[in-house]
Each structure stands twice: as structure tokens, then as C-alpha cells.
Amino acid sequence: MTTRCAVPALLLSLLPSASYAQQATCKLQAVEKKLAAAPLTTFMQKCQDDVQKTCEQLASARHLEEPANTVERNG
């Protein structure tokens, strides 16, 4: 594995959650593409939207649901 590939892989392995990892991946891709200003904003929004869609599809495939917003109390 080259150093160029090893560094992002190492950074991603140190992050605590998937959302942070995906955000870092979007940022790394933007850096590699040398994006700035408006193109950076557009790319980041699209990348994060794609990550959200992928996450929702995975949750659906695994039959996961959002946690309840309220706690039922027996009483």
C-alpha cells in the first residue's frame, strides 16, 4: 500500500463513528480534487447527501428504524 493510500486509511480507522468517517472521506476527496469556494460547497453538499442516502438504504436493508422520539412510561 502506498503512503498516499495508507494515510487516509489510517485516519479513517481512528475516527469514532461512521458519520465522522464519511465526512472525513468527503473532505479528503475535496482536497484531492483541489476544490475551493463554490465548487467545494457544492461537492461537499452532494457528497454528504450521497452518504445520507447510502446510510438510509443500508438501514432499510437491515430493517432498522429511527429510535422513538418519546419514552413511554408505565405508570
PDB file of N, CA and C in Angstrom:
ATOM      1  N   MET A   1       0.856  -1.176   0.000  1.00  0.00           N
ATOM      2  CA  MET A   1       0.000   0.000   0.000  1.00  0.00           C
ATOM      3  C   MET A   1       0.896   1.231   0.000  1.00  0.00           C
ATOM      4  N   THR A   2       0.580   2.170  -0.838  1.00  0.00           N
ATOM      5  CA  THR A   2       1.388   3.373  -0.905  1.00  0.00           C
ATOM      6  C   THR A   2       1.060   4.300   0.258  1.00  0.00           C
ATOM      7  N   THR A   3       1.966   5.209   0.527  1.00  0.00           N
ATOM      8  CA  THR A   3       1.750   6.174   1.607  1.00  0.00           C
ATOM      9  C   THR A   3       0.520   7.012   1.337  1.00  0.00           C
ATOM     10  N   ARG A   4       0.287   7.336   0.089  1.00  0.00           N
ATOM     11  CA  ARG A   4      -0.869   8.161  -0.271  1.00  0.00           C
ATOM     12  C   ARG A   4      -2.173   7.479   0.137  1.00  0.00           C
ATOM     13  N   CYS A   5      -2.241   6.173   0.010  1.00  0.00           N
ATOM     14  CA  CYS A   5      -3.440   5.425   0.394  1.00  0.00           C
ATOM     15  C   CYS A   5      -3.443   5.087   1.878  1.00  0.00           C
ATOM     16  N   ALA A   6      -2.273   4.893   2.439  1.00  0.00           N
ATOM     17  CA  ALA A   6      -2.179   4.476   3.833  1.00  0.00           C
ATOM     18  C   ALA A   6      -2.614   5.574   4.788  1.00  0.00           C
ATOM     19  N   VAL A   7      -2.268   6.814   4.504  1.00  0.00           N
ATOM     20  CA  VAL A   7      -2.600   7.912   5.413  1.00  0.00           C
ATOM     21  C   VAL A   7      -4.110   8.089   5.543  1.00  0.00           C
ATOM     22  N   PRO A   8      -4.867   8.205   4.438  1.00  0.00           N
ATOM     23  CA  PRO A   8      -6.323   8.320   4.608  1.00  0.00           C
ATOM     24  C   PRO A   8      -6.932   7.099   5.295  1.00  0.00           C
ATOM     25  N   ALA A   9      -6.444   5.911   4.978  1.00  0.00           N
ATOM     26  CA  ALA A   9      -6.959   4.708   5.618  1.00  0.00           C
ATOM     27  C   ALA A   9      -6.688   4.739   7.114  1.00  0.00           C
ATOM     28  N   LEU A  10      -5.515   5.175   7.502  1.00  0.00           N
ATOM     29  CA  LEU A  10      -5.178   5.281   8.919  1.00  0.00           C
ATOM     30  C   LEU A  10      -6.061   6.311   9.605  1.00  0.00           C
ATOM     31  N   LEU A  11      -6.248   7.445   8.973  1.00  0.00           N
ATOM     32  CA  LEU A  11      -7.092   8.490   9.559  1.00  0.00           C
ATOM     33  C   LEU A  11      -8.522   8.003   9.737  1.00  0.00           C
ATOM     34  N   LEU A  12      -9.044   7.318   8.755  1.00  0.00           N
ATOM     35  CA  LEU A  12     -10.409   6.817   8.853  1.00  0.00           C
ATOM     36  C   LEU A  12     -10.553   5.753   9.930  1.00  0.00           C
ATOM     37  N   SER A  13      -9.530   4.961  10.139  1.00  0.00           N
ATOM     38  CA  SER A  13      -9.616   3.914  11.155  1.00  0.00           C
ATOM     39  C   SER A  13      -9.607   4.488  12.567  1.00  0.00           C
ATOM     40  N   LEU A  14      -9.126   5.709  12.722  1.00  0.00           N
ATOM     41  CA  LEU A  14      -9.055   6.320  14.046  1.00  0.00           C
ATOM     42  C   LEU A  14     -10.326   7.076  14.431  1.00  0.00           C
ATOM     43  N   LEU A  15     -11.206   7.299  13.487  1.00  0.00           N
ATOM     44  CA  LEU A  15     -12.409   8.071  13.763  1.00  0.00           C
ATOM     45  C   LEU A  15     -13.445   7.213  14.478  1.00  0.00           C
ATOM     46  N   PRO A  16     -14.178   7.809  15.434  1.00  0.00           N
ATOM     47  CA  PRO A  16     -15.060   7.039  16.295  1.00  0.00           C
ATOM     48  C   PRO A  16     -16.373   6.582  15.687  1.00  0.00           C
ATOM     49  N   SER A  17     -16.889   7.237  14.662  1.00  0.00           N
ATOM     50  CA  SER A  17     -18.185   6.812  14.141  1.00  0.00           C
ATOM     51  C   SER A  17     -18.226   6.910  12.626  1.00  0.00           C
ATOM     52  N   ALA A  18     -19.225   6.274  12.058  1.00  0.00           N
ATOM     53  CA  ALA A  18     -19.369   6.245  10.605  1.00  0.00           C
ATOM     54  C   ALA A  18     -19.622   7.628  10.032  1.00  0.00           C
ATOM     55  N   SER A  19     -20.409   8.440  10.720  1.00  0.00           N
ATOM     56  CA  SER A  19     -20.703   9.769  10.183  1.00  0.00           C
ATOM     57  C   SER A  19     -19.444  10.618  10.108  1.00  0.00           C
ATOM     58  N   TYR A  20     -18.603  10.532  11.134  1.00  0.00           N
ATOM     59  CA  TYR A  20     -17.335  11.256  11.080  1.00  0.00           C
ATOM     60  C   TYR A  20     -16.456  10.717   9.964  1.00  0.00           C
ATOM     61  N   ALA A  21     -16.461   9.411   9.787  1.00  0.00           N
ATOM     62  CA  ALA A  21     -15.641   8.806   8.740  1.00  0.00           C
ATOM     63  C   ALA A  21     -16.103   9.254   7.373  1.00  0.00           C
ATOM     64  N   GLN A  22     -17.406   9.293   7.158  1.00  0.00           N
ATOM     65  CA  GLN A  22     -17.913   9.722   5.863  1.00  0.00           C
ATOM     66  C   GLN A  22     -17.616  11.184   5.611  1.00  0.00           C
ATOM     67  N   GLN A  23     -17.728  12.002   6.652  1.00  0.00           N
ATOM     68  CA  GLN A  23     -17.422  13.421   6.489  1.00  0.00           C
ATOM     69  C   GLN A  23     -15.946  13.586   6.136  1.00  0.00           C
ATOM     70  N   ALA A  24     -15.083  12.827   6.793  1.00  0.00           N
ATOM     71  CA  ALA A  24     -13.654  12.898   6.501  1.00  0.00           C
ATOM     72  C   ALA A  24     -13.375  12.433   5.074  1.00  0.00           C
ATOM     73  N   THR A  25     -14.095  11.411   4.632  1.00  0.00           N
ATOM     74  CA  THR A  25     -13.906  10.922   3.274  1.00  0.00           C
ATOM     75  C   THR A  25     -14.275  11.990   2.261  1.00  0.00           C
ATOM     76  N   CYS A  26     -15.377  12.700   2.489  1.00  0.00           N
ATOM     77  CA  CYS A  26     -15.773  13.787   1.594  1.00  0.00           C
ATOM     78  C   CYS A  26     -14.699  14.871   1.580  1.00  0.00           C
ATOM     79  N   LYS A  27     -14.184  15.206   2.737  1.00  0.00           N
ATOM     80  CA  LYS A  27     -13.140  16.236   2.818  1.00  0.00           C
ATOM     81  C   LYS A  27     -11.871  15.797   2.102  1.00  0.00           C
ATOM     82  N   LEU A  28     -11.494  14.542   2.283  1.00  0.00           N
ATOM     83  CA  LEU A  28     -10.293  14.032   1.616  1.00  0.00           C
ATOM     84  C   LEU A  28     -10.459  14.054   0.097  1.00  0.00           C
ATOM     85  N   GLN A  29     -11.639  13.698  -0.376  1.00  0.00           N
ATOM     86  CA  GLN A  29     -11.887  13.730  -1.814  1.00  0.00           C
ATOM     87  C   GLN A  29     -11.809  15.160  -2.335  1.00  0.00           C
ATOM     88  N   ALA A  30     -12.351  16.104  -1.572  1.00  0.00           N
ATOM     89  CA  ALA A  30     -12.313  17.518  -1.980  1.00  0.00           C
ATOM     90  C   ALA A  30     -10.872  18.018  -2.043  1.00  0.00           C
ATOM     91  N   VAL A  31     -10.056  17.612  -1.074  1.00  0.00           N
ATOM     92  CA  VAL A  31      -8.644  18.016  -1.065  1.00  0.00           C
ATOM     93  C   VAL A  31      -7.924  17.435  -2.276  1.00  0.00           C
ATOM     94  N   GLU A  32      -8.178  16.161  -2.551  1.00  0.00           N
ATOM     95  CA  GLU A  32      -7.534  15.521  -3.704  1.00  0.00           C
ATOM     96  C   GLU A  32      -7.920  16.204  -5.009  1.00  0.00           C
ATOM     97  N   LYS A  33      -9.159  16.688  -5.083  1.00  0.00           N
ATOM     98  CA  LYS A  33      -9.626  17.368  -6.290  1.00  0.00           C
ATOM     99  C   LYS A  33      -9.252  18.848  -6.296  1.00  0.00           C
ATOM    100  N   LYS A  34      -8.660  19.308  -5.195  1.00  0.00           N
ATOM    101  CA  LYS A  34      -8.221  20.695  -5.051  1.00  0.00           C
ATOM    102  C   LYS A  34      -9.375  21.681  -5.270  1.00  0.00           C
ATOM    103  N   LEU A  35     -10.505  21.389  -4.623  1.00  0.00           N
ATOM    104  CA  LEU A  35     -11.681  22.237  -4.741  1.00  0.00           C
ATOM    105  C   LEU A  35     -11.626  23.380  -3.739  1.00  0.00           C
ATOM    106  N   ALA A  36     -12.199  24.503  -4.112  1.00  0.00           N
ATOM    107  CA  ALA A  36     -12.275  25.659  -3.215  1.00  0.00           C
ATOM    108  C   ALA A  36     -13.528  26.460  -3.554  1.00  0.00           C
ATOM    109  N   ALA A  37     -13.952  27.275  -2.617  1.00  0.00           N
ATOM    110  CA  ALA A  37     -15.078  28.204  -2.774  1.00  0.00           C
ATOM    111  C   ALA A  37     -16.362  27.472  -3.169  1.00  0.00           C
ATOM    112  N   ALA A  38     -17.066  27.990  -4.170  1.00  0.00           N
ATOM    113  CA  ALA A  38     -18.368  27.446  -4.560  1.00  0.00           C
ATOM    114  C   ALA A  38     -18.307  25.978  -4.991  1.00  0.00           C
ATOM    115  N   PRO A  39     -17.324  25.565  -5.797  1.00  0.00           N
ATOM    116  CA  PRO A  39     -17.263  24.140  -6.161  1.00  0.00           C
ATOM    117  C   PRO A  39     -17.085  23.231  -4.934  1.00  0.00           C
ATOM    118  N   LEU A  40     -16.344  23.694  -3.950  1.00  0.00           N
ATOM    119  CA  LEU A  40     -16.155  22.922  -2.720  1.00  0.00           C
ATOM    120  C   LEU A  40     -17.481  22.766  -1.985  1.00  0.00           C
ATOM    121  N   THR A  41     -18.218  23.853  -1.857  1.00  0.00           N
ATOM    122  CA  THR A  41     -19.506  23.819  -1.170  1.00  0.00           C
ATOM    123  C   THR A  41     -20.469  22.866  -1.870  1.00  0.00           C
ATOM    124  N   THR A  42     -20.543  22.963  -3.181  1.00  0.00           N
ATOM    125  CA  THR A  42     -21.427  22.103  -3.968  1.00  0.00           C
ATOM    126  C   THR A  42     -21.024  20.640  -3.824  1.00  0.00           C
ATOM    127  N   PHE A  43     -19.726  20.367  -3.934  1.00  0.00           N
ATOM    128  CA  PHE A  43     -19.233  18.997  -3.819  1.00  0.00           C
ATOM    129  C   PHE A  43     -19.532  18.425  -2.433  1.00  0.00           C
ATOM    130  N   MET A  44     -19.261  19.194  -1.386  1.00  0.00           N
ATOM    131  CA  MET A  44     -19.484  18.713  -0.019  1.00  0.00           C
ATOM    132  C   MET A  44     -20.959  18.409   0.219  1.00  0.00           C
ATOM    133  N   GLN A  45     -21.851  19.260  -0.259  1.00  0.00           N
ATOM    134  CA  GLN A  45     -23.284  19.025  -0.074  1.00  0.00           C
ATOM    135  C   GLN A  45     -23.717  17.755  -0.793  1.00  0.00           C
ATOM    136  N   LYS A  46     -23.269  17.591  -2.050  1.00  0.00           N
ATOM    137  CA  LYS A  46     -23.633  16.392  -2.802  1.00  0.00           C
ATOM    138  C   LYS A  46     -23.054  15.141  -2.153  1.00  0.00           C
ATOM    139  N   CYS A  47     -21.818  15.212  -1.727  1.00  0.00           N
ATOM    140  CA  CYS A  47     -21.165  14.070  -1.087  1.00  0.00           C
ATOM    141  C   CYS A  47     -21.912  13.673   0.186  1.00  0.00           C
ATOM    142  N   GLN A  48     -22.258  14.646   1.015  1.00  0.00           N
ATOM    143  CA  GLN A  48     -22.971  14.359   2.260  1.00  0.00           C
ATOM    144  C   GLN A  48     -24.373  13.834   1.985  1.00  0.00           C
ATOM    145  N   ASP A  49     -25.030  14.340   0.944  1.00  0.00           N
ATOM    146  CA  ASP A  49     -26.346  13.819   0.564  1.00  0.00           C
ATOM    147  C   ASP A  49     -26.236  12.362   0.130  1.00  0.00           C
ATOM    148  N   ASP A  50     -25.195  12.055  -0.651  1.00  0.00           N
ATOM    149  CA  ASP A  50     -24.970  10.679  -1.098  1.00  0.00           C
ATOM    150  C   ASP A  50     -24.708   9.756   0.089  1.00  0.00           C
ATOM    151  N   VAL A  51     -23.946  10.233   1.052  1.00  0.00           N
ATOM    152  CA  VAL A  51     -23.650   9.445   2.255  1.00  0.00           C
ATOM    153  C   VAL A  51     -24.947   9.171   3.021  1.00  0.00           C
ATOM    154  N   GLN A  52     -25.787  10.189   3.160  1.00  0.00           N
ATOM    155  CA  GLN A  52     -27.057  10.030   3.876  1.00  0.00           C
ATOM    156  C   GLN A  52     -27.947   9.006   3.178  1.00  0.00           C
ATOM    157  N   LYS A  53     -28.039   9.080   1.849  1.00  0.00           N
ATOM    158  CA  LYS A  53     -28.853   8.131   1.091  1.00  0.00           C
ATOM    159  C   LYS A  53     -28.336   6.718   1.266  1.00  0.00           C
ATOM    160  N   THR A  54     -27.024   6.553   1.207  1.00  0.00           N
ATOM    161  CA  THR A  54     -26.419   5.235   1.374  1.00  0.00           C
ATOM    162  C   THR A  54     -26.709   4.681   2.760  1.00  0.00           C
ATOM    163  N   CYS A  55     -26.604   5.526   3.755  1.00  0.00           N
ATOM    164  CA  CYS A  55     -26.868   5.114   5.135  1.00  0.00           C
ATOM    165  C   CYS A  55     -28.332   4.687   5.298  1.00  0.00           C
ATOM    166  N   GLU A  56     -29.241   5.467   4.724  1.00  0.00           N
ATOM    167  CA  GLU A  56     -30.665   5.130   4.810  1.00  0.00           C
ATOM    168  C   GLU A  56     -30.969   3.816   4.096  1.00  0.00           C
ATOM    169  N   GLN A  57     -30.337   3.592   2.949  1.00  0.00           N
ATOM    170  CA  GLN A  57     -30.546   2.341   2.223  1.00  0.00           C
ATOM    171  C   GLN A  57     -30.023   1.156   3.020  1.00  0.00           C
ATOM    172  N   LEU A  58     -28.878   1.326   3.650  1.00  0.00           N
ATOM    173  CA  LEU A  58     -28.308   0.258   4.469  1.00  0.00           C
ATOM    174  C   LEU A  58     -29.206  -0.040   5.662  1.00  0.00           C
ATOM    175  N   ALA A  59     -29.698   0.998   6.313  1.00  0.00           N
ATOM    176  CA  ALA A  59     -30.594   0.809   7.456  1.00  0.00           C
ATOM    177  C   ALA A  59     -31.873   0.105   7.026  1.00  0.00           C
ATOM    178  N   SER A  60     -32.390   0.493   5.880  1.00  0.00           N
ATOM    179  CA  SER A  60     -33.601  -0.138   5.358  1.00  0.00           C
ATOM    180  C   SER A  60     -33.354  -1.610   5.052  1.00  0.00           C
ATOM    181  N   ALA A  61     -32.222  -1.898   4.444  1.00  0.00           N
ATOM    182  CA  ALA A  61     -31.882  -3.276   4.110  1.00  0.00           C
ATOM    183  C   ALA A  61     -31.722  -4.131   5.366  1.00  0.00           C
ATOM    184  N   ARG A  62     -31.277  -3.516   6.423  1.00  0.00           N
ATOM    185  CA  ARG A  62     -31.102  -4.234   7.690  1.00  0.00           C
ATOM    186  C   ARG A  62     -32.340  -4.142   8.573  1.00  0.00           C
ATOM    187  N   HIS A  63     -33.390  -3.517   8.059  1.00  0.00           N
ATOM    188  CA  HIS A  63     -34.661  -3.355   8.765  1.00  0.00           C
ATOM    189  C   HIS A  63     -34.507  -2.586  10.069  1.00  0.00           C
ATOM    190  N   LEU A  64     -33.697  -1.544  10.023  1.00  0.00           N
ATOM    191  CA  LEU A  64     -33.510  -0.691  11.193  1.00  0.00           C
ATOM    192  C   LEU A  64     -34.464   0.485  11.096  1.00  0.00           C
ATOM    193  N   GLU A  65     -34.903   0.975  12.241  1.00  0.00           N
ATOM    194  CA  GLU A  65     -35.797   2.115  12.276  1.00  0.00           C
ATOM    195  C   GLU A  65     -35.181   3.201  13.135  1.00  0.00           C
ATOM    196  N   GLU A  66     -35.696   4.416  12.959  1.00  0.00           N
ATOM    197  CA  GLU A  66     -35.234   5.509  13.802  1.00  0.00           C
ATOM    198  C   GLU A  66     -35.715   5.258  15.222  1.00  0.00           C
ATOM    199  N   PRO A  67     -34.926   5.659  16.220  1.00  0.00           N
ATOM    200  CA  PRO A  67     -35.367   5.489  17.603  1.00  0.00           C
ATOM    201  C   PRO A  67     -36.586   6.361  17.881  1.00  0.00           C
ATOM    202  N   ALA A  68     -37.400   5.936  18.814  1.00  0.00           N
ATOM    203  CA  ALA A  68     -38.588   6.701  19.180  1.00  0.00           C
ATOM    204  C   ALA A  68     -38.188   8.040  19.767  1.00  0.00           C
ATOM    205  N   ASN A  69     -38.973   9.065  19.478  1.00  0.00           N
ATOM    206  CA  ASN A  69     -38.678  10.395  19.996  1.00  0.00           C
ATOM    207  C   ASN A  69     -39.154  10.573  21.430  1.00  0.00           C
ATOM    208  N   THR A  70     -40.045   9.745  21.879  1.00  0.00           N
ATOM    209  CA  THR A  70     -40.565   9.858  23.238  1.00  0.00           C
ATOM    210  C   THR A  70     -40.348   8.557  23.978  1.00  0.00           C
ATOM    211  N   VAL A  71     -40.296   8.643  25.268  1.00  0.00           N
ATOM    212  CA  VAL A  71     -40.127   7.471  26.115  1.00  0.00           C
ATOM    213  C   VAL A  71     -41.472   7.169  26.758  1.00  0.00           C
ATOM    214  N   GLU A  72     -41.949   5.952  26.586  1.00  0.00           N
ATOM    215  CA  GLU A  72     -43.204   5.575  27.209  1.00  0.00           C
ATOM    216  C   GLU A  72     -42.929   5.211  28.663  1.00  0.00           C
ATOM    217  N   ARG A  73     -43.781   5.684  29.530  1.00  0.00           N
ATOM    218  CA  ARG A  73     -43.615   5.399  30.956  1.00  0.00           C
ATOM    219  C   ARG A  73     -44.802   4.572  31.445  1.00  0.00           C
ATOM    220  N   ASN A  74     -44.470   3.548  32.158  1.00  0.00           N
ATOM    221  CA  ASN A  74     -45.525   2.735  32.767  1.00  0.00           C
ATOM    222  C   ASN A  74     -45.919   3.395  34.071  1.00  0.00           C
ATOM    223  N   GLY A  75     -47.155   3.659  34.233  1.00  0.00           N
ATOM    224  CA  GLY A  75     -47.418   4.342  35.466  1.00  0.00           C
ATOM    225  C   GLY A  75     -48.768   4.456  35.840  1.00  0.00           C
TER     226      GLY A  75
END
